[in-house]
């Protein structure tokens, strides 16, 4: 076992910048950003000082709601230097979810962009916080969100009442000396929470996973070690930074190993191929659907991907034909599979670069070097023999500090002996290779996004026409699973799929809106009156194949 390192995220960046100051650190092709580690450190320091001047204290929560902008990366490292907790907000979220996270997280500050594709972040923020239009920047008062004081805007509009411009916040940092920043950094502990990500909850309420410097720096170290990352590597980052896949397995991994981050604002198969070709990327992270989209792009053959060596596929099972095509057509011969969850920072197991293909598609690999894991009986918590199904549990210094303000939920997830119960069913063989075989949790995984039916059900129950609703996942060739809602309307009410989609649009994330809607008179029940969701799945799975 290798030793866990005690270093903060800011300390890690300073260490790498001191070792290789002139080495390329960050490239954002869409924003004409290209800088070495010394320059990148300088940008992050400016951001750190700016937010410090804004009044952000150690332990304050700062919600960031943007795509993969350069500012996101600066904030990840800059906020860590002043001990502020970065609360990552999914860019698919809408007003209902944004309001919940801002309130539950006690965020003092929200940083958001103007718009991207069909989402107008600015309008949503104004809808959630109508008091902005009559507020001075930094002096926000809203009874709905009592902790929120600052809203920071990234964009070109000059008409943003109640908001600071991001550039103006950075400029405030001129008031902060190097000594002031150094004193703040010295006050930090590696065991302080520094990142908070929300996972949907089986109760219907998303939970804020508190991750420390120690948790995520060391997970990034191990992930990169398995990939064989060095300062010779250039990693294409096309996964969202608001997920651990982006901000731990990609950015932190790169900075730890001195690699270059090639960051795309959002996934686009053509832009990904262009970036691989132009920047000579050696590594690439993504969910299987991303790789499929790139391989199937009509211009795939026009771009040179021979520079690729390694990468990670995670978030959904990888079909063997896709793995073979990634290895042969994309020349990414050392691509690996990773498995875990946000609560363990996030990776627990990985396949290895020299594993045979069959192991890379039929298993999720072996435990990382500093991670414990085993299979237990879900009812008794007793260890089960090899190749016998049970619940996958893990224990390590990568396990979260807990769920924010949810001690009971934390106690359910982490037992008295420190084992994190993943809710995933699986087996482990005599060679230590884990397989995921099912889920205890009532969860749908669509294209790498975890969706909890209870959250959607509770939202739909607010619709006055609905008497009852049950949400299930049904198999889908492209996304792995799709969401189906089986609705029982109130007596005398009529509705349609179109009406239900309209009801959801703008209020919950697009990927959570059911793809299929069924209106039913009754549900399959157990003798005790419990709805049999597995029978619902069976009833409709064949219909949509």
Protein backbone atom coordinates (compact mmCIF):
# COMPACT_ATOMS: atom_id res chain seq x y z
CA UNK A 1 0.00 0.00 0.00
CA UNK A 2 1.25 3.42 -0.84
CA UNK A 3 0.88 6.27 1.60
CA UNK A 4 -1.93 8.77 1.44
CA UNK A 5 -0.52 12.23 0.82
CA UNK A 6 -1.39 15.11 3.11
CA UNK A 7 -1.57 18.04 0.74
CA UNK A 8 -4.30 20.55 -0.07
CA UNK A 9 -5.52 21.13 -3.62
CA UNK A 10 -3.87 24.56 -3.64
CA UNK A 11 -0.66 23.06 -2.25
CA UNK A 12 -0.73 20.44 -5.01
CA UNK A 13 -1.00 23.09 -7.74
CA UNK A 14 1.83 25.10 -6.20
CA UNK A 15 3.98 21.96 -6.04
CA UNK A 16 3.40 21.07 -9.70
CA UNK A 17 3.92 24.68 -10.87
CA UNK A 18 7.25 24.79 -8.97
CA UNK A 19 8.41 21.54 -10.63
CA UNK A 20 7.35 22.28 -14.22
CA UNK A 21 6.48 26.00 -14.46
CA UNK A 22 6.88 26.21 -18.26
CA UNK A 23 4.95 23.00 -19.00
CA UNK A 24 1.57 23.41 -20.66
CA UNK A 25 -1.20 23.19 -18.05
CA UNK A 26 -4.53 24.30 -19.48
CA UNK A 27 -5.84 24.52 -23.05
CA UNK A 28 -9.46 25.56 -23.73
CA UNK A 29 -9.69 25.62 -27.57
CA UNK A 30 -13.12 27.27 -27.67
CA UNK A 31 -11.96 30.19 -25.50
CA UNK A 32 -8.49 30.70 -26.95
CA UNK A 33 -6.94 29.84 -23.59
CA UNK A 34 -3.48 28.30 -23.51
CA UNK A 35 -1.24 28.61 -20.48
CA UNK A 36 1.63 26.90 -18.70
CA UNK A 37 1.60 25.82 -15.06
CA UNK A 38 3.14 29.08 -13.82
CA UNK A 39 0.52 31.13 -15.68
CA UNK A 40 -2.28 28.81 -14.55
CA UNK A 41 -1.18 29.15 -10.94
CA UNK A 42 -1.19 32.95 -11.37
CA UNK A 43 -4.79 32.92 -12.64
CA UNK A 44 -5.92 30.70 -9.76
CA UNK A 45 -4.18 32.96 -7.21
CA UNK A 46 -5.98 36.01 -8.65
CA UNK A 47 -9.32 34.21 -8.35
CA UNK A 48 -8.48 33.15 -4.79
CA UNK A 49 -7.67 36.73 -3.79
CA UNK A 50 -10.77 38.08 -5.55
CA UNK A 51 -13.15 35.82 -3.65
CA UNK A 52 -11.25 36.48 -0.45
CA UNK A 53 -11.77 40.22 -1.00
CA UNK A 54 -15.46 39.53 -1.64
CA UNK A 55 -15.63 38.31 1.96
CA UNK A 56 -15.59 34.57 1.35
CA UNK A 57 -14.36 32.90 4.53
CA UNK A 58 -12.90 29.47 5.14
CA UNK A 59 -15.75 26.95 5.09
CA UNK A 60 -18.16 29.20 3.13
CA UNK A 61 -20.10 27.42 0.40
CA UNK A 62 -19.81 28.76 -3.16
CA UNK A 63 -22.18 27.22 -5.74
CA UNK A 64 -20.85 27.16 -9.30
CA UNK A 65 -23.37 26.70 -12.11
CA UNK A 66 -21.56 26.79 -15.43
CA UNK A 67 -20.36 24.51 -18.19
CA UNK A 68 -16.65 23.65 -18.48
CA UNK A 69 -15.50 27.26 -18.73
CA UNK A 70 -11.88 28.24 -17.99
CA UNK A 71 -13.31 30.12 -14.97
CA UNK A 72 -14.62 26.82 -13.58
CA UNK A 73 -11.10 25.39 -13.52
CA UNK A 74 -9.64 28.57 -11.98
CA UNK A 75 -12.32 28.46 -9.28
CA UNK A 76 -11.71 24.79 -8.50
CA UNK A 77 -8.14 25.58 -7.49
CA UNK A 78 -8.57 29.22 -6.43
CA UNK A 79 -11.46 28.59 -4.03
CA UNK A 80 -9.55 25.67 -2.53
CA UNK A 81 -6.69 28.04 -1.63
CA UNK A 82 -8.98 30.08 0.59
CA UNK A 83 -10.78 27.06 2.07
CA UNK A 84 -14.12 27.81 0.39
CA UNK A 85 -16.25 24.76 -0.40
CA UNK A 86 -17.03 24.45 -4.10
CA UNK A 87 -20.64 23.29 -4.47
CA UNK A 88 -20.95 21.84 -7.97
CA UNK A 89 -24.30 22.44 -9.68
CA UNK A 90 -25.37 20.19 -12.55
CA UNK A 91 -25.84 22.27 -15.70
CA UNK A 92 -28.92 20.21 -16.56
CA UNK A 93 -30.70 21.47 -13.44
CA UNK A 94 -33.64 23.80 -13.67
CA UNK A 95 -35.26 26.25 -11.24
CA UNK A 96 -36.71 23.66 -8.82
CA UNK A 97 -33.35 21.92 -8.37
CA UNK A 98 -31.25 25.11 -8.26
CA UNK A 99 -33.38 26.57 -5.48
CA UNK A 100 -33.15 23.36 -3.47
CA UNK A 101 -29.35 23.18 -3.69
CA UNK A 102 -28.78 26.85 -2.87
CA UNK A 103 -31.00 26.49 0.18
CA UNK A 104 -29.87 23.09 1.43
CA UNK A 105 -26.17 23.89 0.97
CA UNK A 106 -26.39 27.26 2.78
CA UNK A 107 -24.43 28.75 -0.13
CA UNK A 108 -23.29 32.32 0.50
CA UNK A 109 -22.40 32.83 -3.15
CA UNK A 110 -23.66 31.66 -6.53
CA UNK A 111 -21.48 31.91 -9.66
CA UNK A 112 -23.35 31.34 -12.92
CA UNK A 113 -23.00 31.83 -16.66
CA UNK A 114 -25.46 33.49 -19.04
CA UNK A 115 -26.61 30.66 -21.25
CA UNK A 116 -25.56 27.50 -23.04
CA UNK A 117 -27.44 25.76 -25.85
CA UNK A 118 -31.11 25.74 -24.82
CA UNK A 119 -30.55 26.66 -21.15
CA UNK A 120 -30.67 30.29 -20.02
CA UNK A 121 -28.95 30.26 -16.64
CA UNK A 122 -29.39 34.00 -16.17
CA UNK A 123 -33.19 33.90 -16.55
CA UNK A 124 -33.44 30.90 -14.22
CA UNK A 125 -31.40 32.67 -11.53
CA UNK A 126 -33.62 35.77 -11.84
CA UNK A 127 -36.70 33.53 -11.56
CA UNK A 128 -35.40 31.80 -8.42
CA UNK A 129 -34.14 35.07 -6.85
CA UNK A 130 -36.55 37.85 -7.90
CA UNK A 131 -35.08 40.16 -5.21
CA UNK A 132 -31.94 40.58 -7.34
CA UNK A 133 -33.44 43.30 -9.51
CA UNK A 134 -33.77 45.59 -6.46
CA UNK A 135 -30.49 44.63 -4.76
CA UNK A 136 -27.01 46.05 -4.73
CA UNK A 137 -24.27 43.48 -5.54
CA UNK A 138 -23.14 41.83 -2.32
CA UNK A 139 -26.16 43.01 -0.36
CA UNK A 140 -28.75 40.45 -1.39
CA UNK A 141 -31.55 39.78 1.11
CA UNK A 142 -33.98 37.00 0.38
CA UNK A 143 -36.06 35.15 2.95
CA UNK A 144 -36.19 32.07 0.69
CA UNK A 145 -32.37 31.78 0.62
CA UNK A 146 -31.20 33.44 3.84
CA UNK A 147 -27.51 32.47 3.48
CA UNK A 148 -27.11 33.80 -0.07
CA UNK A 149 -25.37 37.20 -0.21
CA UNK A 150 -23.50 37.28 -3.53
CA UNK A 151 -24.41 36.40 -7.09
CA UNK A 152 -21.54 36.47 -9.59
CA UNK A 153 -22.19 36.58 -13.32
CA UNK A 154 -20.00 35.24 -16.14
CA UNK A 155 -21.08 36.61 -19.51
CA UNK A 156 -21.24 39.59 -21.84
CA UNK A 157 -24.43 41.31 -20.66
CA UNK A 158 -23.94 44.62 -18.80
CA UNK A 159 -27.51 44.70 -17.52
CA UNK A 160 -27.27 42.30 -14.55
CA UNK A 161 -28.85 44.04 -11.54
CA UNK A 162 -27.80 42.74 -8.14
CA UNK A 163 -24.89 40.74 -9.55
CA UNK A 164 -21.12 41.13 -9.60
CA UNK A 165 -19.29 40.56 -12.87
CA UNK A 166 -16.72 37.76 -12.48
CA UNK A 167 -13.95 40.02 -13.82
CA UNK A 168 -14.81 42.65 -11.19
CA UNK A 169 -14.57 40.07 -8.41
CA UNK A 170 -11.13 39.05 -9.66
CA UNK A 171 -10.10 42.73 -9.76
CA UNK A 172 -11.07 43.09 -6.07
CA UNK A 173 -8.18 40.76 -5.32
CA UNK A 174 -5.69 43.58 -5.76
CA UNK A 175 -6.56 44.51 -2.15
CA UNK A 176 -5.30 41.15 -0.88
CA UNK A 177 -1.56 40.68 -0.32
CA UNK A 178 0.41 37.50 -0.95
CA UNK A 179 0.88 37.33 2.83
CA UNK A 180 -2.88 37.45 3.45
CA UNK A 181 -3.42 34.58 1.05
CA UNK A 182 -0.51 32.60 2.51
CA UNK A 183 -1.95 33.01 6.02
CA UNK A 184 -5.32 31.71 4.83
CA UNK A 185 -3.70 28.72 3.10
CA UNK A 186 -1.69 27.95 6.24
CA UNK A 187 -4.92 27.80 8.27
CA UNK A 188 -6.38 25.00 6.15
CA UNK A 189 -6.47 21.33 7.02
CA UNK A 190 -6.37 18.58 4.42
CA UNK A 191 -9.37 17.12 6.22
CA UNK A 192 -11.54 20.19 5.64
CA UNK A 193 -14.45 19.66 3.21
CA UNK A 194 -13.55 21.40 -0.04
CA UNK A 195 -15.98 20.00 -2.57
CA UNK A 196 -19.69 19.27 -2.26
CA UNK A 197 -21.64 17.42 -4.90
CA UNK A 198 -25.30 16.59 -4.83
CA UNK A 199 -26.53 13.10 -5.51
CA UNK A 200 -30.18 12.36 -5.97
CA UNK A 201 -31.65 10.67 -2.96
CA UNK A 202 -33.95 7.69 -2.55
CA UNK A 203 -35.96 9.89 -0.20
CA UNK A 204 -36.57 12.33 -3.00
CA UNK A 205 -34.16 14.86 -1.54
CA UNK A 206 -30.69 15.22 -3.10
CA UNK A 207 -27.86 14.87 -0.60
CA UNK A 208 -24.71 17.04 -0.47
CA UNK A 209 -21.67 14.76 -0.43
CA UNK A 210 -18.86 16.45 1.53
CA UNK A 211 -15.43 15.60 0.11
CA UNK A 212 -12.14 16.76 1.62
CA UNK A 213 -8.80 17.72 0.06
CA UNK A 214 -7.49 14.41 1.41
CA UNK A 215 -10.33 12.42 -0.17
CA UNK A 216 -10.10 13.72 -3.71
CA UNK A 217 -6.39 14.49 -4.07
CA UNK A 218 -5.54 10.91 -3.16
CA UNK A 219 -8.24 9.43 -5.34
CA UNK A 220 -6.95 11.49 -8.26
CA UNK A 221 -3.43 10.23 -7.48
CA UNK A 222 -4.47 6.58 -7.62
CA UNK A 223 -6.62 6.97 -10.74
CA UNK A 224 -3.79 8.66 -12.63
CA UNK A 225 -1.27 6.08 -11.45
CA UNK A 226 -3.42 3.27 -12.87
CA UNK A 227 -3.69 5.18 -16.18
CA UNK A 228 0.07 5.70 -16.18
CA UNK A 229 -0.30 9.50 -16.36
CA UNK A 230 2.84 11.66 -16.50
CA UNK A 231 3.85 15.13 -17.65
CA UNK A 232 4.04 13.68 -21.16
CA UNK A 233 0.27 13.21 -21.26
CA UNK A 234 -2.46 15.48 -22.57
CA UNK A 235 -5.91 14.57 -21.26
CA UNK A 236 -9.02 15.50 -23.25
CA UNK A 237 -11.60 16.60 -20.67
CA UNK A 238 -15.07 16.48 -22.23
CA UNK A 239 -16.98 15.15 -19.22
CA UNK A 240 -18.76 17.73 -17.03
CA UNK A 241 -16.59 19.32 -14.36
CA UNK A 242 -19.55 19.31 -11.96
CA UNK A 243 -19.14 15.52 -11.67
CA UNK A 244 -16.23 13.76 -9.97
CA UNK A 245 -15.40 12.32 -13.39
CA UNK A 246 -14.47 15.86 -14.41
CA UNK A 247 -13.09 17.54 -11.30
CA UNK A 248 -11.30 14.56 -9.72
CA UNK A 249 -10.57 11.93 -12.38
CA UNK A 250 -9.70 14.61 -14.97
CA UNK A 251 -8.51 18.03 -13.66
CA UNK A 252 -7.05 16.94 -10.31
CA UNK A 253 -5.59 13.82 -11.91
CA UNK A 254 -3.86 16.01 -14.52
CA UNK A 255 -2.45 18.53 -12.03
CA UNK A 256 -1.24 15.78 -9.71
CA UNK A 257 0.69 14.10 -12.53
CA UNK A 258 1.79 17.29 -14.32
CA UNK A 259 -0.29 16.47 -17.40
CA UNK A 260 -1.93 18.97 -19.74
CA UNK A 261 -5.70 19.59 -19.45
CA UNK A 262 -7.43 19.98 -22.83
CA UNK A 263 -10.89 21.16 -21.75
CA UNK A 264 -14.02 21.28 -23.96
CA UNK A 265 -16.95 23.36 -22.77
CA UNK A 266 -19.34 20.45 -23.28
CA UNK A 267 -19.22 17.17 -25.13
CA UNK A 268 -19.36 17.44 -28.89
CA UNK A 269 -18.07 14.48 -30.93
CA UNK A 270 -16.66 16.61 -33.74
CA UNK A 271 -14.92 19.07 -31.39
CA UNK A 272 -13.51 16.10 -29.47
CA UNK A 273 -12.04 14.56 -32.63
CA UNK A 274 -10.63 17.93 -33.71
CA UNK A 275 -9.01 18.46 -30.31
CA UNK A 276 -7.44 14.98 -30.27
CA UNK A 277 -5.98 15.60 -33.73
CA UNK A 278 -4.76 19.17 -33.19
CA UNK A 279 -3.49 18.86 -29.61
CA UNK A 280 -2.20 15.29 -29.97
CA UNK A 281 -4.10 14.13 -26.90
CA UNK A 282 -2.77 10.95 -25.31
CA UNK A 283 -5.68 10.30 -22.95
CA UNK A 284 -9.46 10.70 -23.02
CA UNK A 285 -12.20 10.27 -20.42
CA UNK A 286 -15.86 9.67 -21.20
CA UNK A 287 -18.98 7.58 -20.78
CA UNK A 288 -19.52 4.86 -23.42
CA UNK A 289 -22.12 6.96 -25.32
CA UNK A 290 -19.44 9.62 -25.93
CA UNK A 291 -17.07 7.12 -27.46
CA UNK A 292 -19.90 5.67 -29.57
CA UNK A 293 -20.81 9.16 -30.87
CA UNK A 294 -17.20 9.85 -31.85
CA UNK A 295 -16.72 6.49 -33.55
CA UNK A 296 -19.98 6.90 -35.48
CA UNK A 297 -19.38 10.50 -36.53
CA UNK A 298 -19.40 10.77 -40.35
CA UNK A 299 -16.08 12.68 -40.27
CA UNK A 300 -14.32 10.26 -37.91
CA UNK A 301 -11.84 9.08 -40.55
CA UNK A 302 -10.72 12.66 -41.31
CA UNK A 303 -9.03 13.02 -37.91
CA UNK A 304 -5.85 11.45 -36.59
CA UNK A 305 -6.33 9.75 -33.21
CA UNK A 306 -3.06 7.78 -33.23
CA UNK A 307 -1.71 9.91 -30.37
CA UNK A 308 -4.22 8.34 -27.96
CA UNK A 309 -2.92 5.82 -25.46
CA UNK A 310 -5.18 5.59 -22.44
CA UNK A 311 -8.43 6.85 -20.99
CA UNK A 312 -11.30 5.94 -18.73
CA UNK A 313 -14.74 4.67 -19.59
CA UNK A 314 -17.14 4.90 -16.69
CA UNK A 315 -20.75 5.62 -15.79
CA UNK A 316 -22.32 2.72 -17.70
CA UNK A 317 -21.37 -0.78 -18.89
CA UNK A 318 -19.18 -0.85 -21.99
CA UNK A 319 -20.23 -3.22 -24.80
CA UNK A 320 -17.35 -5.39 -26.01
CA UNK A 321 -17.65 -4.14 -29.61
CA UNK A 322 -17.27 -0.54 -28.41
CA UNK A 323 -14.20 -1.42 -26.34
CA UNK A 324 -12.65 -3.15 -29.37
CA UNK A 325 -13.36 -0.18 -31.65
CA UNK A 326 -11.91 2.30 -29.13
CA UNK A 327 -8.76 0.19 -28.92
CA UNK A 328 -8.41 -0.47 -32.63
CA UNK A 329 -9.98 2.45 -34.51
CA UNK A 330 -9.14 5.18 -31.97
CA UNK A 331 -5.77 3.54 -31.13
CA UNK A 332 -6.57 3.88 -27.42
CA UNK A 333 -5.12 0.50 -26.51
CA UNK A 334 -4.77 1.11 -22.76
CA UNK A 335 -8.31 2.40 -22.09
CA UNK A 336 -9.63 1.22 -18.71
CA UNK A 337 -12.94 0.89 -16.88
CA UNK A 338 -13.57 2.57 -13.53
CA UNK A 339 -16.29 2.03 -10.93
CA UNK A 340 -17.33 3.89 -7.80
CA UNK A 341 -19.63 6.64 -6.63
CA UNK A 342 -19.38 10.24 -5.49
CA UNK A 343 -19.41 9.11 -1.83
CA UNK A 344 -16.00 7.43 -2.28
CA UNK A 345 -14.38 10.35 -4.19
CA UNK A 346 -15.32 8.57 -6.62
CA UNK A 347 -13.29 5.56 -7.79
CA UNK A 348 -13.16 2.27 -5.95
CA UNK A 349 -12.08 -0.21 -8.65
CA UNK A 350 -10.40 0.00 -12.04
CA UNK A 351 -9.32 -2.44 -14.68
CA UNK A 352 -5.65 -2.26 -15.52
CA UNK A 353 -4.05 -1.19 -18.80
CA UNK A 354 -2.75 -4.68 -19.51
CA UNK A 355 -5.95 -6.53 -18.63
CA UNK A 356 -7.42 -8.64 -21.45
CA UNK A 357 -10.39 -7.06 -23.25
CA UNK A 358 -12.82 -9.60 -21.82
CA UNK A 359 -11.98 -8.47 -18.28
CA UNK A 360 -12.36 -4.81 -19.29
CA UNK A 361 -15.93 -5.36 -20.45
CA UNK A 362 -17.16 -8.11 -18.12
CA UNK A 363 -15.80 -6.63 -14.85
CA UNK A 364 -15.15 -3.23 -13.27
CA UNK A 365 -11.63 -4.23 -12.33
CA UNK A 366 -9.72 -4.60 -9.09
CA UNK A 367 -9.51 -2.36 -6.04
CA UNK A 368 -7.26 0.68 -6.23
CA UNK A 369 -4.07 0.21 -4.16
CA UNK A 370 -5.24 2.10 -1.05
CA UNK A 371 -8.89 1.06 -1.15
CA UNK A 372 -10.63 -1.77 0.73
CA UNK A 373 -13.69 -3.44 -0.72
CA UNK A 374 -15.71 -6.60 -0.33
CA UNK A 375 -19.11 -8.21 -0.90
CA UNK A 376 -21.50 -8.63 2.01
CA UNK A 377 -24.93 -10.13 2.52
CA UNK A 378 -27.34 -7.15 2.36
CA UNK A 379 -29.45 -8.54 5.21
CA UNK A 380 -26.77 -9.72 7.65
CA UNK A 381 -23.70 -7.65 6.59
CA UNK A 382 -21.69 -10.89 6.76
CA UNK A 383 -18.98 -11.45 4.14
CA UNK A 384 -20.02 -13.79 1.32
CA UNK A 385 -17.80 -16.28 -0.56
CA UNK A 386 -16.16 -15.49 -3.91
CA UNK A 387 -18.50 -15.33 -6.91
CA UNK A 388 -21.55 -15.05 -4.65
CA UNK A 389 -23.76 -11.99 -5.14
CA UNK A 390 -24.11 -9.44 -2.36
CA UNK A 391 -23.77 -5.72 -1.72
CA UNK A 392 -20.52 -3.99 -2.71
CA UNK A 393 -19.05 -2.09 0.27
CA UNK A 394 -15.85 -0.07 0.49
CA UNK A 395 -13.67 1.49 3.18
CA UNK A 396 -10.78 3.92 2.83
CA UNK A 397 -9.62 7.45 3.44
CA UNK A 398 -11.42 8.35 0.21
CA UNK A 399 -14.84 7.81 1.78
CA UNK A 400 -16.75 11.07 2.18
CA UNK A 401 -16.92 13.07 5.39
CA UNK A 402 -20.69 12.63 5.22
CA UNK A 403 -23.85 14.17 3.79
CA UNK A 404 -24.27 17.86 4.59
CA UNK A 405 -26.76 18.38 7.45
CA UNK A 406 -28.05 14.81 7.06
CA UNK A 407 -26.54 12.78 9.93
CA UNK A 408 -29.18 10.05 9.73
CA UNK A 409 -28.58 9.54 6.01
CA UNK A 410 -24.82 9.49 6.66
CA UNK A 411 -25.27 6.81 9.32
CA UNK A 412 -27.32 4.71 6.89
CA UNK A 413 -24.58 4.96 4.25
CA UNK A 414 -21.49 4.42 6.44
CA UNK A 415 -21.70 1.73 9.12
CA UNK A 416 -20.04 1.77 12.55
CA UNK A 417 -16.93 0.05 11.13
CA UNK A 418 -16.46 2.69 8.43
CA UNK A 419 -17.78 0.65 5.48
CA UNK A 420 -19.62 2.67 2.85
CA UNK A 421 -22.62 0.71 1.57
CA UNK A 422 -22.84 1.46 -2.15
CA UNK A 423 -26.31 0.03 -2.76
CA UNK A 424 -24.86 -1.85 -5.75
CA UNK A 425 -25.06 -5.61 -6.01
CA UNK A 426 -22.06 -7.52 -7.29
CA UNK A 427 -19.56 -10.32 -7.00
CA UNK A 428 -15.81 -10.59 -6.64
CA UNK A 429 -13.82 -13.50 -8.07
CA UNK A 430 -10.77 -15.31 -6.75
CA UNK A 431 -8.48 -12.84 -8.56
CA UNK A 432 -10.13 -9.80 -7.00
CA UNK A 433 -12.12 -8.66 -10.05
CA UNK A 434 -15.47 -7.09 -9.21
CA UNK A 435 -18.64 -7.33 -11.26
CA UNK A 436 -21.71 -5.13 -10.82
CA UNK A 437 -24.81 -7.28 -11.19
CA UNK A 438 -27.67 -5.06 -10.03
CA UNK A 439 -28.81 -2.44 -7.56
CA UNK A 440 -30.42 -2.51 -4.15
CA UNK A 441 -31.19 1.16 -4.57
CA UNK A 442 -34.09 2.07 -6.76
CA UNK A 443 -31.91 3.92 -9.24
CA UNK A 444 -31.84 4.45 -13.01
CA UNK A 445 -28.58 5.11 -14.84
CA UNK A 446 -29.20 6.97 -18.10
CA UNK A 447 -26.10 7.80 -20.14
CA UNK A 448 -23.95 7.97 -17.01
CA UNK A 449 -26.40 10.15 -15.04
CA UNK A 450 -27.82 8.67 -11.81
CA UNK A 451 -31.56 9.22 -11.58
CA UNK A 452 -33.61 8.32 -8.52
CA UNK A 453 -37.25 7.53 -9.29
CA UNK A 454 -38.41 8.82 -5.90
CA UNK A 455 -37.23 12.34 -6.71
CA UNK A 456 -39.23 12.40 -9.97
CA UNK A 457 -42.26 10.78 -8.29
CA UNK A 458 -42.35 13.41 -5.55
CA UNK A 459 -42.13 16.17 -8.11
CA UNK A 460 -44.93 14.70 -10.27
CA UNK A 461 -47.14 14.20 -7.21
CA UNK A 462 -47.46 18.00 -7.12
CA UNK A 463 -49.43 17.85 -10.38
CA UNK A 464 -53.10 18.27 -9.41
CA UNK A 465 -54.25 15.75 -12.04
CA UNK A 466 -52.11 12.89 -10.73
CA UNK A 467 -53.42 10.43 -8.16
CA UNK A 468 -50.34 8.21 -8.08
CA UNK A 469 -47.16 7.74 -10.10
CA UNK A 470 -44.36 5.20 -10.21
CA UNK A 471 -41.14 5.69 -12.15
CA UNK A 472 -38.95 2.88 -13.49
CA UNK A 473 -36.00 2.44 -15.81
CA UNK A 474 -36.38 0.34 -18.94
CA UNK A 475 -33.50 -0.93 -21.10
CA UNK A 476 -32.23 1.30 -23.90
CA UNK A 477 -29.52 0.46 -26.44
CA UNK A 478 -28.12 3.99 -26.64
CA UNK A 479 -28.35 5.26 -23.05
CA UNK A 480 -28.40 1.99 -21.10
CA UNK A 481 -31.75 2.92 -19.53
CA UNK A 482 -34.59 5.34 -20.18
CA UNK A 483 -37.06 6.76 -17.68
CA UNK A 484 -40.71 5.65 -17.79
CA UNK A 485 -43.49 7.11 -15.65
CA UNK A 486 -46.61 5.02 -15.03
CA UNK A 487 -49.35 7.47 -14.01
CA UNK A 488 -52.69 6.90 -12.40
CA UNK A 489 -54.84 9.99 -12.95
CA UNK A 490 -57.48 11.26 -10.53
CA UNK A 491 -61.08 10.34 -11.22
CA UNK A 492 -62.41 12.24 -14.25
CA UNK A 493 -59.03 13.72 -15.26
CA UNK A 494 -57.44 13.41 -18.69
CA UNK A 495 -53.88 14.08 -19.74
CA UNK A 496 -51.21 13.21 -22.29
CA UNK A 497 -47.48 12.62 -22.53
CA UNK A 498 -47.09 16.03 -24.16
CA UNK A 499 -48.88 17.76 -21.28
CA UNK A 500 -46.70 15.96 -18.71
CA UNK A 501 -43.48 16.86 -20.53
CA UNK A 502 -44.61 20.49 -20.59
CA UNK A 503 -45.30 20.32 -16.83
CA UNK A 504 -41.73 19.12 -16.19
CA UNK A 505 -39.89 21.36 -18.65
CA UNK A 506 -37.93 24.12 -17.00
CA UNK A 507 -38.53 22.71 -13.50
CA UNK A 508 -36.48 19.51 -13.43
CA UNK A 509 -33.40 18.53 -15.39
CA UNK A 510 -34.00 17.37 -18.92
CA UNK A 511 -32.41 13.95 -18.34
CA UNK A 512 -34.87 13.33 -15.47
CA UNK A 513 -37.98 14.02 -17.58
CA UNK A 514 -39.47 10.61 -18.45
CA UNK A 515 -38.93 9.52 -22.03
CA UNK A 516 -42.01 7.32 -21.88
CA UNK A 517 -45.40 7.96 -20.24
CA UNK A 518 -48.01 5.32 -19.52
CA UNK A 519 -51.42 6.05 -18.08
CA UNK A 520 -52.63 3.06 -16.04
CA UNK A 521 -55.75 2.15 -14.09
CA UNK A 522 -53.85 0.09 -11.52
CA UNK A 523 -50.37 -1.20 -10.60
CA UNK A 524 -49.08 -4.75 -10.06
CA UNK A 525 -49.09 -5.24 -6.27
CA UNK A 526 -47.75 -7.62 -3.65
CA UNK A 527 -50.17 -9.21 -1.20
CA UNK A 528 -49.24 -6.53 1.31
CA UNK A 529 -50.13 -3.75 -1.16
CA UNK A 530 -46.63 -2.77 -2.27
CA UNK A 531 -46.16 -1.81 -5.92
CA UNK A 532 -44.00 -4.34 -7.78
CA UNK A 533 -41.73 -2.11 -9.84
CA UNK A 534 -39.95 -5.04 -11.42
CA UNK A 535 -43.28 -6.11 -12.94
CA UNK A 536 -43.86 -2.57 -14.21
CA UNK A 537 -40.49 -2.78 -15.91
CA UNK A 538 -41.36 -6.13 -17.43
CA UNK A 539 -44.76 -4.86 -18.64
CA UNK A 540 -43.30 -1.99 -20.67
CA UNK A 541 -39.73 -3.05 -21.51
CA UNK A 542 -40.77 -5.12 -24.53
CA UNK A 543 -43.08 -2.36 -25.80
CA UNK A 544 -40.19 0.08 -26.26
CA UNK A 545 -37.50 -2.27 -27.53
